[in-house]
Protein backbone atom coordinates (compact mmCIF):
# COMPACT_ATOMS: atom_id res chain seq x y z
CA UNK A 1 -16.45 -10.37 3.41
CA UNK A 2 -17.92 -13.84 3.63
CA UNK A 3 -15.52 -16.73 4.32
CA UNK A 4 -16.64 -20.25 3.46
CA UNK A 5 -15.05 -23.68 3.57
CA UNK A 6 -15.73 -25.99 0.66
CA UNK A 7 -14.37 -29.43 -0.23
CA UNK A 8 -13.66 -30.76 -3.71
CA UNK A 9 -16.98 -31.40 -5.45
CA UNK A 10 -18.86 -28.78 -3.43
CA UNK A 11 -20.05 -25.45 -4.79
CA UNK A 12 -21.59 -22.14 -3.83
CA UNK A 13 -24.05 -19.83 -5.51
CA UNK A 14 -23.84 -16.08 -5.97
CA UNK A 15 -27.30 -14.80 -6.73
CA UNK A 16 -29.27 -17.08 -9.02
CA UNK A 17 -26.95 -17.08 -12.02
CA UNK A 18 -23.39 -17.64 -10.76
CA UNK A 19 -22.13 -20.98 -9.45
CA UNK A 20 -18.58 -21.60 -8.26
CA UNK A 21 -17.53 -25.23 -7.85
CA UNK A 22 -14.36 -26.55 -6.22
CA UNK A 23 -12.87 -29.06 -8.66
CA UNK A 24 -9.81 -30.06 -6.63
CA UNK A 25 -7.48 -29.05 -3.84
CA UNK A 26 -3.89 -30.24 -4.36
CA UNK A 27 -0.54 -29.05 -3.03
CA UNK A 28 -1.94 -25.78 -1.70
CA UNK A 29 -3.76 -24.94 -4.96
CA UNK A 30 -7.49 -24.82 -5.52
CA UNK A 31 -9.04 -25.42 -8.94
CA UNK A 32 -12.36 -23.65 -9.39
CA UNK A 33 -15.04 -23.85 -12.07
CA UNK A 34 -17.20 -20.77 -12.53
CA UNK A 35 -20.54 -20.80 -14.34
CA UNK A 36 -21.86 -17.31 -15.04
CA UNK A 37 -23.70 -15.45 -17.80
CA UNK A 38 -21.44 -14.17 -20.59
CA UNK A 39 -22.34 -10.62 -19.55
CA UNK A 40 -20.52 -11.10 -16.22
CA UNK A 41 -16.78 -10.38 -16.58
CA UNK A 42 -14.50 -12.87 -14.80
CA UNK A 43 -10.93 -11.69 -14.37
CA UNK A 44 -8.06 -12.73 -12.12
CA UNK A 45 -7.28 -9.94 -9.66
CA UNK A 46 -3.61 -9.68 -10.70
CA UNK A 47 -4.68 -8.97 -14.30
CA UNK A 48 -7.10 -6.29 -13.13
CA UNK A 49 -4.31 -4.68 -11.07
CA UNK A 50 -1.89 -4.80 -14.04
CA UNK A 51 -4.49 -3.17 -16.30
CA UNK A 52 -5.05 -0.40 -13.77
CA UNK A 53 -1.29 0.19 -13.51
CA UNK A 54 -1.02 0.38 -17.31
CA UNK A 55 -3.89 2.87 -17.48
CA UNK A 56 -2.24 5.06 -14.85
CA UNK A 57 1.07 4.99 -16.73
CA UNK A 58 -0.67 5.90 -20.00
CA UNK A 59 -2.45 8.82 -18.33
CA UNK A 60 0.81 10.40 -17.18
CA UNK A 61 1.96 13.10 -19.55
CA UNK A 62 5.56 13.84 -20.36
CA UNK A 63 6.91 16.63 -22.53
CA UNK A 64 8.51 15.66 -25.85
CA UNK A 65 11.89 16.92 -24.58
CA UNK A 66 11.64 14.75 -21.45
CA UNK A 67 10.84 11.73 -23.64
CA UNK A 68 13.81 12.53 -25.89
CA UNK A 69 16.11 12.75 -22.87
CA UNK A 70 14.81 9.39 -21.70
CA UNK A 71 15.54 7.91 -25.14
CA UNK A 72 19.04 9.38 -25.10
CA UNK A 73 19.72 7.66 -21.81
CA UNK A 74 18.40 4.33 -23.07
CA UNK A 75 19.94 4.34 -26.56
CA UNK A 76 23.14 6.34 -26.11
CA UNK A 77 23.30 9.37 -28.40
CA UNK A 78 20.06 10.16 -30.19
CA UNK A 79 20.24 13.17 -32.48
CA UNK A 80 17.55 15.79 -31.94
CA UNK A 81 15.97 17.37 -35.04
CA UNK A 82 18.21 20.14 -36.34
CA UNK A 83 21.14 19.02 -34.17
CA UNK A 84 24.43 18.11 -35.85
CA UNK A 85 26.98 15.80 -34.31
């Protein structure tokens, strides 16, 4: 990991096509401007982590009966097919 110090108005280059400029530093927050080719994805790390969590949750399999039991707990009494109350 490379650690740099930059002031407002200064920038750094990554390769020949990506430039990151510090726009301002105020109240513990840094505003950055990023110039990069459209083919380079730029994503905040918390969004990447949320997407990974969603993918993991979608990959987990649950049986239809387990899902029905979960629905029963959330919605009170849910009638199963063929079941009479």
